[in-house]
Amino acid sequence: MSEPVHPHRAPGRKVLRRRSLWIPSALILGLLSFVLSLLYMGANNNPTGYMHDLPIALVNADKGMDMGGKQINLGDQINSKVAHSPELKGKVAWKQVSRSEAEEMLGKDKAYGALVIPENFSASVAALAVPQQQDPKRPTLQVLTNPASGSFGSSMASEINREVAHTTSIELGKQLGQQAKLQAARAAKAEASGHAKPEADHAVKAEQPSTAERLLIADPITVTVQEGHEIGTHSGLGLSAFFYTLVLVLGGMLGANVIHTQLDAMLGYAASDYGPFRRVKPAERISRTRHFAIGCGLMAGLSLVTSALALVAAVSIVGIDASHLTLLWIYGACATTAMGITALALLAVFGMPGQLVSMLVLVGFAIPSAGATIPLEALPDFYRFLAEFEPFRQVVDGVRSILYFGAQVDAGLGRGWTMIGVGFVVALLFGFGMTRFYDRRGLHRTPIKVLEPQPAPTV
């Protein structure tokens, strides 16, 4: 086997002993692991404890009823107690709306769920107070979920609503129990007096609740749960938007790395290694500004292809539920372009460290603050701050609107388009501004030189 001729040999043991290899690598990898662990674990550590103003719709449709000439509306009482609950103050933002308004909020990604007090609630409760019923109907509270807004956020809202309904049921049961005790006391007093007629005595005894009725009265409310805004069975329980956005973001970031490397290899600024084969092309001088411009053009054109292929794989092969396919393709291409140009700008400005910087900007800081898995309202303040400008959150809102909310502009698509445009412009200004600055200062990139074999020094 032939051996390549090099001007200097580098024994493996000596290379491994070099501090210049160990120290920078240890610092970079250690810091990266530390930061990523801090970011991801910090976002998922205690969602319930960090919960702040989680939007939930509260609907009071109870019509009330007339009892002895007095109008009673238990729905108003429950509505007031829930909305001003000290336990949930600051944690839940109750939106007191009508049923139609609640459905509109759920359909526009404005609430994670809803608690509905039906129109016959007071009448159903009053019916329980009538003793010896053959088939009493339990009053109900309806919990509406919204998995389209995110399965975790919807689950949090559903759990809160069920706890509120259970607490309401226990409190109402205590009131009904006290009323039953008063009825039983009247019956016992009438029976002890011995003055009641047989018919009246029978009626009084009838007022005493049976064991089954007492159990029913103790926890009278039935809670029903259903989807307030339905999504398809092939939507990943509301997570398909997150994973599709991840594909777009990675397509932009990895695509930028590929384009930057391929462009350098083609212009002779880097070697091309394919397995055991290595190739270095003759160097072609090019300014940093023009290099960045070519990369942006490639990114914009190739994003149309990558977005189309991602769509084909997700819809045609995997079979996710999706509509507005043309819009999803165009939106995906624009998002990928913006992500890719951002990564190209970071590579152009920072060079090799730009790969790590783009990974932190587009993935490391972005995913925990996206609100795609854990809702923003359940994240620490630092992540909510990041969510205002980190690109992943902006893109996923638009994808979620297209996949689940009929591509409504005010369901996140409008913000998505706006922030993609802002990110695109900022990346171009940053990239062209810095590369132009480098060129004016004469900080040109030096093409790689092919080292020729050198004769061994004579002794």
Protein backbone atom coordinates (compact mmCIF):
# COMPACT_ATOMS: atom_id res chain seq x y z
CA MET A 1 0.00 0.00 0.00
CA SER A 2 1.41 3.38 -0.95
CA GLU A 3 1.88 6.02 1.69
CA PRO A 4 1.12 9.71 1.07
CA VAL A 5 4.07 12.03 1.17
CA HIS A 6 3.70 14.92 3.62
CA PRO A 7 6.21 17.57 4.65
CA HIS A 8 5.82 16.63 8.30
CA ARG A 9 4.61 13.54 10.11
CA ALA A 10 2.32 13.92 13.13
CA PRO A 11 2.51 10.91 15.47
CA GLY A 12 -0.86 10.16 17.04
CA ARG A 13 0.44 10.15 20.61
CA LYS A 14 2.01 13.56 20.23
CA VAL A 15 -1.16 14.99 18.73
CA LEU A 16 -3.23 13.68 21.63
CA ARG A 17 -0.83 15.28 24.08
CA ARG A 18 -1.29 18.76 22.66
CA ARG A 19 -3.09 21.12 25.00
CA SER A 20 -4.22 23.20 22.03
CA LEU A 21 -6.40 20.24 21.03
CA TRP A 22 -7.80 19.27 24.43
CA ILE A 23 -8.47 22.60 26.08
CA PRO A 24 -10.53 24.34 23.34
CA SER A 25 -12.45 21.13 22.59
CA ALA A 26 -13.22 20.57 26.27
CA LEU A 27 -14.32 24.17 26.75
CA ILE A 28 -16.57 24.21 23.69
CA LEU A 29 -18.20 20.81 24.23
CA GLY A 30 -18.51 21.26 27.98
CA LEU A 31 -20.04 24.70 27.68
CA LEU A 32 -22.40 23.51 24.96
CA SER A 33 -23.62 20.57 27.05
CA PHE A 34 -24.03 22.82 30.08
CA VAL A 35 -26.02 25.47 28.20
CA LEU A 36 -28.29 22.97 26.43
CA SER A 37 -29.02 21.12 29.66
CA LEU A 38 -29.75 24.41 31.39
CA LEU A 39 -32.07 25.57 28.60
CA TYR A 40 -34.07 22.38 28.09
CA MET A 41 -34.32 21.24 31.71
CA GLY A 42 -35.07 24.77 32.87
CA ALA A 43 -38.04 25.01 30.52
CA ASN A 44 -39.56 21.67 31.57
CA ASN A 45 -38.78 21.64 35.27
CA ASN A 46 -42.03 22.91 36.83
CA PRO A 47 -44.75 23.98 34.35
CA THR A 48 -47.49 24.12 37.00
CA GLY A 49 -45.37 26.26 39.30
CA TYR A 50 -44.51 28.73 36.55
CA MET A 51 -48.03 28.87 35.13
CA HIS A 52 -49.17 32.45 34.61
CA ASP A 53 -52.40 33.67 32.97
CA LEU A 54 -53.25 30.44 31.15
CA PRO A 55 -56.25 31.50 29.00
CA ILE A 56 -59.39 29.42 29.64
CA ALA A 57 -62.90 30.36 28.51
CA LEU A 58 -65.63 30.39 31.16
CA VAL A 59 -69.19 30.11 29.84
CA ASN A 60 -72.29 30.63 31.99
CA ALA A 61 -75.33 29.64 29.93
CA ASP A 62 -77.51 28.89 32.99
CA LYS A 63 -81.01 30.38 32.66
CA GLY A 64 -81.78 29.98 36.35
CA MET A 65 -85.22 29.12 37.72
CA ASP A 66 -88.02 30.44 39.86
CA MET A 67 -88.34 28.98 43.36
CA GLY A 68 -91.16 30.28 45.51
CA GLY A 69 -91.37 33.49 43.55
CA LYS A 70 -87.62 34.06 43.81
CA GLN A 71 -85.30 33.88 40.81
CA ILE A 72 -82.27 31.71 41.51
CA ASN A 73 -79.27 31.35 39.19
CA LEU A 74 -76.62 29.01 40.53
CA GLY A 75 -74.59 29.49 37.35
CA ASP A 76 -73.95 33.13 38.27
CA GLN A 77 -72.74 32.08 41.71
CA ILE A 78 -70.39 29.44 40.33
CA ASN A 79 -69.17 31.78 37.59
CA SER A 80 -68.27 34.44 40.16
CA LYS A 81 -66.51 31.98 42.49
CA VAL A 82 -64.45 30.43 39.70
CA ALA A 83 -63.45 33.74 38.12
CA HIS A 84 -62.32 35.13 41.48
CA SER A 85 -60.81 31.96 42.91
CA PRO A 86 -57.81 32.94 45.09
CA GLU A 87 -56.11 29.58 44.41
CA LEU A 88 -56.00 30.27 40.66
CA LYS A 89 -55.43 34.02 40.79
CA GLY A 90 -52.56 34.92 38.50
CA LYS A 91 -52.31 31.35 37.21
CA VAL A 92 -55.42 31.26 35.03
CA ALA A 93 -56.84 34.08 32.92
CA TRP A 94 -60.57 33.27 32.87
CA LYS A 95 -62.31 34.68 29.80
CA GLN A 96 -66.00 35.09 30.68
CA VAL A 97 -67.72 34.75 27.31
CA SER A 98 -70.77 33.23 25.65
CA ARG A 99 -70.78 29.73 24.18
CA SER A 100 -70.34 31.01 20.62
CA GLU A 101 -67.50 33.31 21.69
CA ALA A 102 -65.80 30.43 23.50
CA GLU A 103 -65.98 28.26 20.39
CA GLU A 104 -64.52 31.13 18.37
CA MET A 105 -61.65 31.49 20.85
CA LEU A 106 -60.92 27.77 20.69
CA GLY A 107 -61.07 27.91 16.90
CA LYS A 108 -58.55 30.76 16.75
CA ASP A 109 -56.00 29.39 19.23
CA LYS A 110 -56.93 31.98 21.85
CA ALA A 111 -57.75 29.54 24.68
CA TYR A 112 -56.54 26.13 25.80
CA GLY A 113 -59.97 24.99 26.92
CA ALA A 114 -63.36 26.04 28.27
CA LEU A 115 -65.63 25.34 31.24
CA VAL A 116 -69.32 25.50 30.34
CA ILE A 117 -72.24 25.82 32.78
CA PRO A 118 -75.29 24.58 30.80
CA GLU A 119 -78.60 26.42 30.61
CA ASN A 120 -80.51 23.89 32.77
CA PHE A 121 -77.96 23.77 35.58
CA SER A 122 -80.07 25.50 38.27
CA ALA A 123 -83.13 23.44 37.34
CA SER A 124 -81.14 20.20 37.59
CA VAL A 125 -79.80 21.12 41.03
CA ALA A 126 -83.26 22.10 42.25
CA ALA A 127 -84.62 18.75 41.09
CA LEU A 128 -82.18 16.95 43.38
CA ALA A 129 -83.68 18.76 46.36
CA VAL A 130 -87.05 17.10 45.69
CA PRO A 131 -87.02 13.83 47.68
CA GLN A 132 -87.99 10.36 46.48
CA GLN A 133 -87.50 10.98 42.78
CA GLN A 134 -87.62 7.92 40.57
CA ASP A 135 -84.85 8.95 38.17
CA PRO A 136 -83.17 12.21 39.20
CA LYS A 137 -80.93 13.81 36.56
CA ARG A 138 -77.59 14.97 37.81
CA PRO A 139 -76.50 18.52 36.95
CA THR A 140 -73.55 18.65 34.55
CA LEU A 141 -70.58 20.88 33.86
CA GLN A 142 -68.97 20.60 30.45
CA VAL A 143 -65.20 20.72 29.89
CA LEU A 144 -64.05 21.59 26.36
CA THR A 145 -60.49 20.75 25.36
CA ASN A 146 -58.39 22.24 22.58
CA PRO A 147 -55.61 19.83 21.53
CA ALA A 148 -54.97 21.98 18.45
CA SER A 149 -53.39 24.58 20.73
CA GLY A 150 -50.98 21.94 22.08
CA SER A 151 -51.71 18.68 23.86
CA PHE A 152 -49.85 19.70 27.02
CA GLY A 153 -51.58 23.07 27.33
CA SER A 154 -54.96 21.51 26.60
CA SER A 155 -54.32 18.85 29.25
CA MET A 156 -53.38 21.51 31.80
CA ALA A 157 -56.57 23.44 31.09
CA SER A 158 -58.66 20.27 31.22
CA GLU A 159 -57.16 19.27 34.57
CA ILE A 160 -57.82 22.73 36.00
CA ASN A 161 -61.42 22.68 34.75
CA ARG A 162 -62.06 19.24 36.23
CA GLU A 163 -60.61 20.25 39.58
CA VAL A 164 -62.80 23.36 39.58
CA ALA A 165 -65.85 21.26 38.69
CA HIS A 166 -65.07 18.75 41.45
CA THR A 167 -64.61 21.50 44.04
CA THR A 168 -67.88 23.08 42.91
CA SER A 169 -69.64 19.73 43.20
CA ILE A 170 -68.41 19.15 46.76
CA GLU A 171 -69.43 22.66 47.86
CA LEU A 172 -72.83 22.27 46.23
CA GLY A 173 -73.18 18.84 47.85
CA LYS A 174 -72.63 20.37 51.28
CA GLN A 175 -75.43 22.87 50.66
CA LEU A 176 -77.79 20.15 49.47
CA GLY A 177 -76.80 17.99 52.44
CA GLN A 178 -77.66 20.77 54.87
CA GLN A 179 -81.01 21.17 53.16
CA ALA A 180 -81.62 17.43 53.44
CA LYS A 181 -80.79 17.53 57.16
CA LEU A 182 -83.33 20.30 57.68
CA GLN A 183 -85.95 18.22 55.90
CA ALA A 184 -85.08 15.20 58.03
CA ALA A 185 -85.26 17.29 61.21
CA ARG A 186 -88.71 18.56 60.27
CA ALA A 187 -89.83 15.01 59.60
CA ALA A 188 -88.50 13.78 62.96
CA LYS A 189 -90.11 16.66 64.81
CA ALA A 190 -93.48 16.06 63.16
CA GLU A 191 -93.28 12.35 63.94
CA ALA A 192 -92.36 13.00 67.58
CA SER A 193 -95.26 15.41 68.07
CA GLY A 194 -97.76 12.65 67.23
CA HIS A 195 -100.23 15.19 65.91
CA ALA A 196 -99.71 14.51 62.25
CA LYS A 197 -102.36 12.69 60.27
CA PRO A 198 -101.39 9.41 58.58
CA GLU A 199 -101.36 11.04 55.15
CA ALA A 200 -99.26 13.94 56.40
CA ASP A 201 -96.99 11.58 58.31
CA HIS A 202 -96.42 9.58 55.13
CA ALA A 203 -95.58 12.76 53.23
CA VAL A 204 -93.15 13.89 55.89
CA LYS A 205 -91.38 10.54 55.91
CA ALA A 206 -91.12 10.80 52.17
CA GLU A 207 -89.02 13.94 52.61
CA GLN A 208 -86.25 11.90 54.24
CA PRO A 209 -83.66 11.07 51.53
CA SER A 210 -82.67 7.49 50.92
CA THR A 211 -79.06 6.25 51.16
CA ALA A 212 -78.66 6.46 47.39
CA GLU A 213 -79.98 10.00 47.37
CA ARG A 214 -77.58 11.02 50.14
CA LEU A 215 -74.66 9.66 48.12
CA LEU A 216 -75.90 11.51 45.06
CA ILE A 217 -76.32 14.73 47.00
CA ALA A 218 -72.77 14.52 48.43
CA ASP A 219 -71.18 14.81 44.95
CA PRO A 220 -74.01 15.81 42.63
CA ILE A 221 -72.26 17.21 39.51
CA THR A 222 -71.30 15.11 36.52
CA VAL A 223 -68.37 16.37 34.42
CA THR A 224 -68.40 15.68 30.68
CA VAL A 225 -65.28 16.20 28.55
CA GLN A 226 -65.20 16.71 24.79
CA GLU A 227 -63.08 18.45 22.17
CA GLY A 228 -64.04 22.08 21.76
CA HIS A 229 -62.12 22.35 18.49
CA GLU A 230 -61.67 19.01 16.78
CA ILE A 231 -58.54 17.94 14.93
CA GLY A 232 -57.89 14.86 12.84
CA THR A 233 -56.72 11.55 14.23
CA HIS A 234 -53.47 11.88 12.26
CA SER A 235 -52.44 15.14 13.91
CA GLY A 236 -50.20 13.68 16.60
CA LEU A 237 -52.57 14.92 19.34
CA GLY A 238 -51.69 18.46 18.28
CA LEU A 239 -47.93 17.87 17.98
CA SER A 240 -47.64 17.38 14.21
CA ALA A 241 -47.24 21.16 13.79
CA PHE A 242 -44.24 21.11 16.14
CA PHE A 243 -42.46 18.28 14.35
CA TYR A 244 -43.19 19.72 10.90
CA THR A 245 -41.75 23.05 12.01
CA LEU A 246 -38.70 21.22 13.33
CA VAL A 247 -38.20 19.76 9.85
CA LEU A 248 -38.36 23.26 8.32
CA VAL A 249 -35.95 24.75 10.85
CA LEU A 250 -33.44 21.93 10.53
CA GLY A 251 -33.78 22.11 6.76
CA GLY A 252 -32.76 25.76 6.85
CA MET A 253 -29.93 25.35 9.36
CA LEU A 254 -28.43 22.16 7.90
CA GLY A 255 -29.04 23.41 4.37
CA ALA A 256 -27.01 26.53 5.14
CA ASN A 257 -24.12 24.41 6.41
CA VAL A 258 -24.22 22.25 3.28
CA ILE A 259 -24.40 25.24 0.93
CA HIS A 260 -21.59 27.06 2.73
CA THR A 261 -19.34 23.98 2.65
CA GLN A 262 -20.14 23.11 -0.97
CA LEU A 263 -19.55 26.67 -2.10
CA ASP A 264 -16.19 26.79 -0.32
CA ALA A 265 -15.16 23.49 -1.90
CA MET A 266 -16.20 24.61 -5.37
CA LEU A 267 -14.25 27.88 -5.05
CA GLY A 268 -11.15 26.18 -3.67
CA TYR A 269 -11.51 27.54 -0.13
CA ALA A 270 -11.93 24.04 1.33
CA ALA A 271 -11.14 20.47 0.38
CA SER A 272 -13.82 18.00 -0.70
CA ASP A 273 -13.63 14.69 1.16
CA TYR A 274 -15.82 11.83 -0.06
CA GLY A 275 -14.83 8.67 1.73
CA PRO A 276 -11.17 7.96 0.93
CA PHE A 277 -11.11 10.50 -1.89
CA ARG A 278 -9.92 14.04 -1.34
CA ARG A 279 -10.04 16.82 -3.86
CA VAL A 280 -8.97 20.44 -3.82
CA LYS A 281 -10.03 22.66 -6.69
CA PRO A 282 -8.01 25.63 -7.93
CA ALA A 283 -8.85 28.68 -5.88
CA GLU A 284 -11.13 31.37 -7.28
CA ARG A 285 -10.96 34.65 -5.47
CA ILE A 286 -14.29 36.05 -4.38
CA SER A 287 -15.30 38.71 -1.89
CA ARG A 288 -17.09 37.79 1.32
CA THR A 289 -20.09 39.84 0.23
CA ARG A 290 -20.45 38.00 -3.07
CA HIS A 291 -19.90 34.65 -1.36
CA PHE A 292 -22.78 35.42 1.04
CA ALA A 293 -25.00 36.64 -1.81
CA ILE A 294 -24.48 33.42 -3.78
CA GLY A 295 -25.29 31.37 -0.69
CA CYS A 296 -28.52 33.31 -0.15
CA GLY A 297 -29.56 32.75 -3.75
CA LEU A 298 -28.93 29.03 -3.47
CA MET A 299 -30.82 28.87 -0.18
CA ALA A 300 -33.87 30.64 -1.62
CA GLY A 301 -34.02 28.38 -4.66
CA LEU A 302 -33.37 25.11 -2.86
CA SER A 303 -35.90 25.91 -0.13
CA LEU A 304 -38.67 25.50 -2.70
CA VAL A 305 -37.42 21.97 -3.31
CA THR A 306 -36.86 21.01 0.33
CA SER A 307 -40.25 22.36 1.40
CA ALA A 308 -41.98 20.42 -1.38
CA LEU A 309 -40.21 17.17 -0.49
CA ALA A 310 -40.95 17.64 3.22
CA LEU A 311 -44.62 18.13 2.33
CA VAL A 312 -44.70 15.04 0.12
CA ALA A 313 -43.11 12.91 2.83
CA ALA A 314 -45.42 14.18 5.58
CA VAL A 315 -48.72 14.17 3.68
CA SER A 316 -48.39 11.56 0.93
CA ILE A 317 -46.25 8.96 2.70
CA VAL A 318 -46.80 9.42 6.45
CA GLY A 319 -50.36 10.65 5.96
CA ILE A 320 -50.68 13.51 8.44
CA ASP A 321 -53.91 15.49 8.40
CA ALA A 322 -53.25 18.65 6.40
CA SER A 323 -55.11 21.09 4.20
CA HIS A 324 -54.14 24.26 2.32
CA LEU A 325 -51.21 22.32 0.87
CA THR A 326 -50.06 25.02 -1.54
CA LEU A 327 -50.00 27.57 1.26
CA LEU A 328 -48.15 25.12 3.50
CA TRP A 329 -45.54 24.58 0.77
CA ILE A 330 -44.99 28.31 0.19
CA TYR A 331 -44.97 29.09 3.90
CA GLY A 332 -42.51 26.27 4.52
CA ALA A 333 -40.22 27.46 1.73
CA CYS A 334 -40.21 31.02 3.07
CA ALA A 335 -39.58 29.83 6.63
CA THR A 336 -36.73 27.58 5.50
CA THR A 337 -35.24 30.43 3.46
CA ALA A 338 -35.34 32.80 6.43
CA MET A 339 -33.78 30.18 8.72
CA GLY A 340 -31.13 29.29 6.15
CA ILE A 341 -30.13 32.88 5.43
CA THR A 342 -29.89 33.51 9.17
CA ALA A 343 -27.51 30.56 9.48
CA LEU A 344 -25.53 31.69 6.41
CA ALA A 345 -25.17 35.17 7.90
CA LEU A 346 -23.82 33.69 11.14
CA LEU A 347 -21.39 31.51 9.19
CA ALA A 348 -20.25 34.47 7.11
CA VAL A 349 -19.68 36.63 10.17
CA PHE A 350 -18.30 34.15 12.71
CA GLY A 351 -16.76 31.53 10.43
CA MET A 352 -16.41 28.07 11.97
CA PRO A 353 -18.02 29.07 15.32
CA GLY A 354 -21.03 30.20 13.28
CA GLN A 355 -22.23 26.59 13.14
CA LEU A 356 -22.53 26.47 16.94
CA VAL A 357 -24.02 29.95 17.12
CA SER A 358 -26.68 29.11 14.52
CA MET A 359 -27.49 25.88 16.35
CA LEU A 360 -28.02 27.79 19.60
CA VAL A 361 -30.04 30.57 17.96
CA LEU A 362 -32.25 28.38 15.75
CA VAL A 363 -32.55 25.29 17.97
CA GLY A 364 -30.99 25.63 21.43
CA PHE A 365 -32.77 28.78 22.55
CA ALA A 366 -35.67 28.43 20.13
CA ILE A 367 -37.28 25.06 20.87
CA PRO A 368 -37.72 25.48 24.66
CA SER A 369 -39.28 28.91 24.13
CA ALA A 370 -41.50 27.95 21.19
CA GLY A 371 -44.60 27.09 23.23
CA ALA A 372 -45.13 24.14 20.90
CA THR A 373 -44.92 21.48 23.61
CA ILE A 374 -45.27 23.31 26.93
CA PRO A 375 -47.41 26.46 26.59
CA LEU A 376 -45.71 29.83 26.94
CA GLU A 377 -47.94 30.57 29.92
CA ALA A 378 -46.28 27.67 31.80
CA LEU A 379 -42.68 28.73 31.10
CA PRO A 380 -40.37 30.92 33.21
CA ASP A 381 -40.20 34.60 32.31
CA PHE A 382 -36.85 34.20 30.53
CA TYR A 383 -38.37 31.84 27.96
CA ARG A 384 -41.39 34.08 27.44
CA PHE A 385 -38.96 36.88 26.65
CA LEU A 386 -37.16 34.67 24.12
CA ALA A 387 -40.48 33.73 22.55
CA GLU A 388 -41.01 37.30 21.41
CA PHE A 389 -38.28 37.04 18.78
CA GLU A 390 -36.92 33.47 18.60
CA PRO A 391 -37.78 32.15 15.12
CA PHE A 392 -39.12 28.71 16.02
CA ARG A 393 -42.12 30.11 17.90
CA GLN A 394 -43.03 32.42 15.02
CA VAL A 395 -42.91 29.62 12.44
CA VAL A 396 -44.78 27.04 14.52
CA ASP A 397 -47.67 29.47 15.09
CA GLY A 398 -48.14 29.75 11.34
CA VAL A 399 -47.85 26.00 10.75
CA ARG A 400 -50.37 25.34 13.52
CA SER A 401 -52.77 27.83 11.95
CA ILE A 402 -52.49 26.14 8.55
CA LEU A 403 -52.83 22.58 9.87
CA TYR A 404 -55.47 23.04 12.59
CA PHE A 405 -57.21 26.40 12.32
CA GLY A 406 -58.08 26.74 8.65
CA ALA A 407 -55.13 29.05 7.90
CA GLN A 408 -56.80 31.95 9.73
CA VAL A 409 -54.62 35.04 9.83
CA ASP A 410 -55.53 35.86 13.44
CA ALA A 411 -54.87 32.29 14.58
CA GLY A 412 -51.09 32.75 14.31
CA LEU A 413 -50.54 32.82 10.55
CA GLY A 414 -50.38 36.62 10.38
CA ARG A 415 -47.73 36.79 13.09
CA GLY A 416 -45.84 33.95 11.41
CA TRP A 417 -45.66 35.75 8.05
CA THR A 418 -44.70 39.03 9.72
CA MET A 419 -41.88 37.57 11.78
CA ILE A 420 -40.55 35.50 8.86
CA GLY A 421 -40.31 38.74 6.88
CA VAL A 422 -38.63 40.55 9.77
CA GLY A 423 -36.16 37.71 10.28
CA PHE A 424 -35.39 37.60 6.56
CA VAL A 425 -34.62 41.33 6.41
CA VAL A 426 -32.59 41.33 9.64
CA ALA A 427 -30.50 38.36 8.47
CA LEU A 428 -29.77 40.03 5.13
CA LEU A 429 -28.83 43.34 6.76
CA PHE A 430 -26.61 41.60 9.28
CA GLY A 431 -24.95 39.36 6.71
CA PHE A 432 -24.35 41.97 4.03
CA GLY A 433 -23.42 44.63 6.54
CA MET A 434 -20.72 42.57 8.24
CA THR A 435 -19.29 40.97 5.08
CA ARG A 436 -19.10 44.39 3.44
CA PHE A 437 -17.31 45.68 6.53
CA TYR A 438 -14.81 42.80 6.38
CA ASP A 439 -14.18 43.42 2.67
CA ARG A 440 -13.55 47.13 3.18
CA ARG A 441 -11.09 46.37 5.95
CA GLY A 442 -9.20 43.98 3.70
CA LEU A 443 -10.10 40.96 5.80
CA HIS A 444 -10.32 38.68 2.81
CA ARG A 445 -10.59 34.92 2.95
CA THR A 446 -7.35 33.23 1.88
CA PRO A 447 -7.84 30.25 -0.44
CA ILE A 448 -6.48 26.93 0.68
CA LYS A 449 -2.99 26.16 -0.59
CA VAL A 450 -2.06 22.72 -1.86
CA LEU A 451 1.10 21.65 -0.10
CA GLU A 452 3.66 20.04 -2.35
CA PRO A 453 5.92 17.30 -1.06
CA GLN A 454 9.14 18.77 0.30
CA PRO A 455 12.51 17.04 0.40
CA ALA A 456 13.77 15.99 3.79
CA PRO A 457 16.29 18.37 5.28
CA THR A 458 19.91 17.35 4.87
CA VAL A 459 21.93 16.67 7.96
